[in-house]
Protein backbone atom coordinates (compact mmCIF):
# COMPACT_ATOMS: atom_id res chain seq x y z
CA MET A 1 -34.07 9.34 12.38
CA GLU A 2 -34.76 5.87 10.99
CA GLU A 3 -31.92 3.37 10.57
CA ASN A 4 -31.35 1.58 7.27
CA SER A 5 -32.36 -2.06 7.76
CA GLN A 6 -29.62 -3.30 5.40
CA GLY A 7 -26.81 -1.48 7.21
CA ARG A 8 -23.48 -1.54 5.37
CA ASN A 9 -24.52 -4.03 2.69
CA LEU A 10 -24.94 -1.30 0.08
CA ARG A 11 -21.26 -0.33 0.07
CA MET A 12 -19.14 -1.00 -3.01
CA VAL A 13 -16.45 -3.67 -2.64
CA ARG A 14 -13.41 -4.09 -4.91
CA ILE A 15 -10.49 -6.53 -4.86
CA GLY A 16 -7.08 -5.36 -5.98
CA ARG A 17 -3.33 -5.45 -5.44
CA VAL A 18 -1.40 -2.97 -3.30
CA VAL A 19 1.02 -0.97 -5.48
CA SER A 20 2.19 1.55 -2.85
CA SER A 21 2.21 1.71 0.95
CA ASP A 22 4.66 4.58 1.46
CA MET A 23 2.14 6.96 3.03
CA ASP A 24 1.04 6.88 6.64
CA LYS A 25 -2.24 4.94 7.03
CA THR A 26 -2.87 5.09 3.26
CA ILE A 27 -2.30 2.53 0.54
CA VAL A 28 -2.78 2.64 -3.23
CA VAL A 29 -4.67 -0.32 -4.69
CA ARG A 30 -4.74 -1.18 -8.40
CA VAL A 31 -8.02 -2.77 -9.47
CA ASP A 32 -7.87 -4.60 -12.81
CA ARG A 33 -10.89 -5.39 -14.94
CA ARG A 34 -11.33 -6.91 -18.37
CA ILE A 35 -13.85 -5.43 -20.79
CA GLN A 36 -14.86 -6.09 -24.35
CA HIS A 37 -13.95 -3.31 -26.79
CA PRO A 38 -17.19 -1.86 -28.18
CA LEU A 39 -16.04 -1.76 -31.81
CA TYR A 40 -13.36 -4.43 -32.19
CA LYS A 41 -14.88 -6.96 -29.75
CA ARG A 42 -11.46 -7.79 -28.28
CA ILE A 43 -10.91 -8.26 -24.56
CA VAL A 44 -9.00 -5.26 -23.19
CA SER A 45 -7.50 -4.86 -19.71
CA ARG A 46 -8.33 -1.69 -17.81
CA SER A 47 -7.08 -0.68 -14.39
CA SER A 48 -7.79 2.05 -11.87
CA LYS A 49 -5.98 3.18 -8.74
CA LEU A 50 -7.87 3.61 -5.49
CA TYR A 51 -6.55 5.31 -2.37
CA ALA A 52 -7.58 3.33 0.69
CA HIS A 53 -7.33 3.89 4.44
CA ASP A 54 -5.20 1.32 6.30
CA GLU A 55 -5.53 2.16 9.98
CA ALA A 56 -2.92 -0.30 11.29
CA ASN A 57 -0.37 0.16 8.46
CA GLU A 58 -0.36 -3.62 7.98
CA CYS A 59 -0.62 -3.81 4.17
CA LYS A 60 2.56 -4.20 2.13
CA VAL A 61 3.24 -3.86 -1.61
CA GLY A 62 2.00 -6.95 -3.45
CA ASP A 63 -0.78 -7.88 -1.02
CA VAL A 64 -4.20 -8.68 -2.45
CA VAL A 65 -6.80 -6.74 -0.46
CA LYS A 66 -10.52 -6.17 -0.38
CA VAL A 67 -11.48 -2.50 -0.11
CA MET A 68 -14.86 -1.07 0.79
CA SER A 69 -16.26 2.35 -0.06
CA THR A 70 -16.65 4.80 2.79
CA ARG A 71 -17.24 8.49 3.42
CA PRO A 72 -14.57 10.86 2.09
CA LEU A 73 -11.57 10.69 4.41
CA SER A 74 -9.41 13.19 2.51
CA LYS A 75 -9.21 14.83 -0.91
CA THR A 76 -8.57 11.53 -2.70
CA LYS A 77 -9.31 8.81 -0.12
CA ARG A 78 -12.78 7.25 -0.48
CA TRP A 79 -12.05 3.59 0.39
CA ARG A 80 -10.90 1.59 3.41
CA VAL A 81 -9.31 -1.82 3.75
CA ALA A 82 -11.91 -4.45 4.64
CA GLU A 83 -9.53 -7.44 4.73
CA ILE A 84 -6.23 -8.74 3.45
CA ILE A 85 -6.98 -11.70 1.19
CA GLU A 86 -3.42 -12.77 0.34
CA ARG A 87 -0.05 -11.66 1.64
CA ALA A 88 2.79 -10.86 -0.75
CA LYS A 89 5.33 -13.63 -1.16
């Protein structure tokens, strides 16, 4: 079996804010993005919630985190915490 020369560089990375950390080793991250409406040409905010694996349970609500895609860890969990960018105040 041949190894991929680029390694983990092909994984998707998103930055978002933690909205829930009540579960064990799982956090919910809200990722906001701004898009232009196709008809009205106005800037519209869209958001999506990602379930991410937090092995050490170190993320708290309000933290800004970077999450990275990974293999499916459960029914809904497809991301893991890569790093905590900013702690909640």
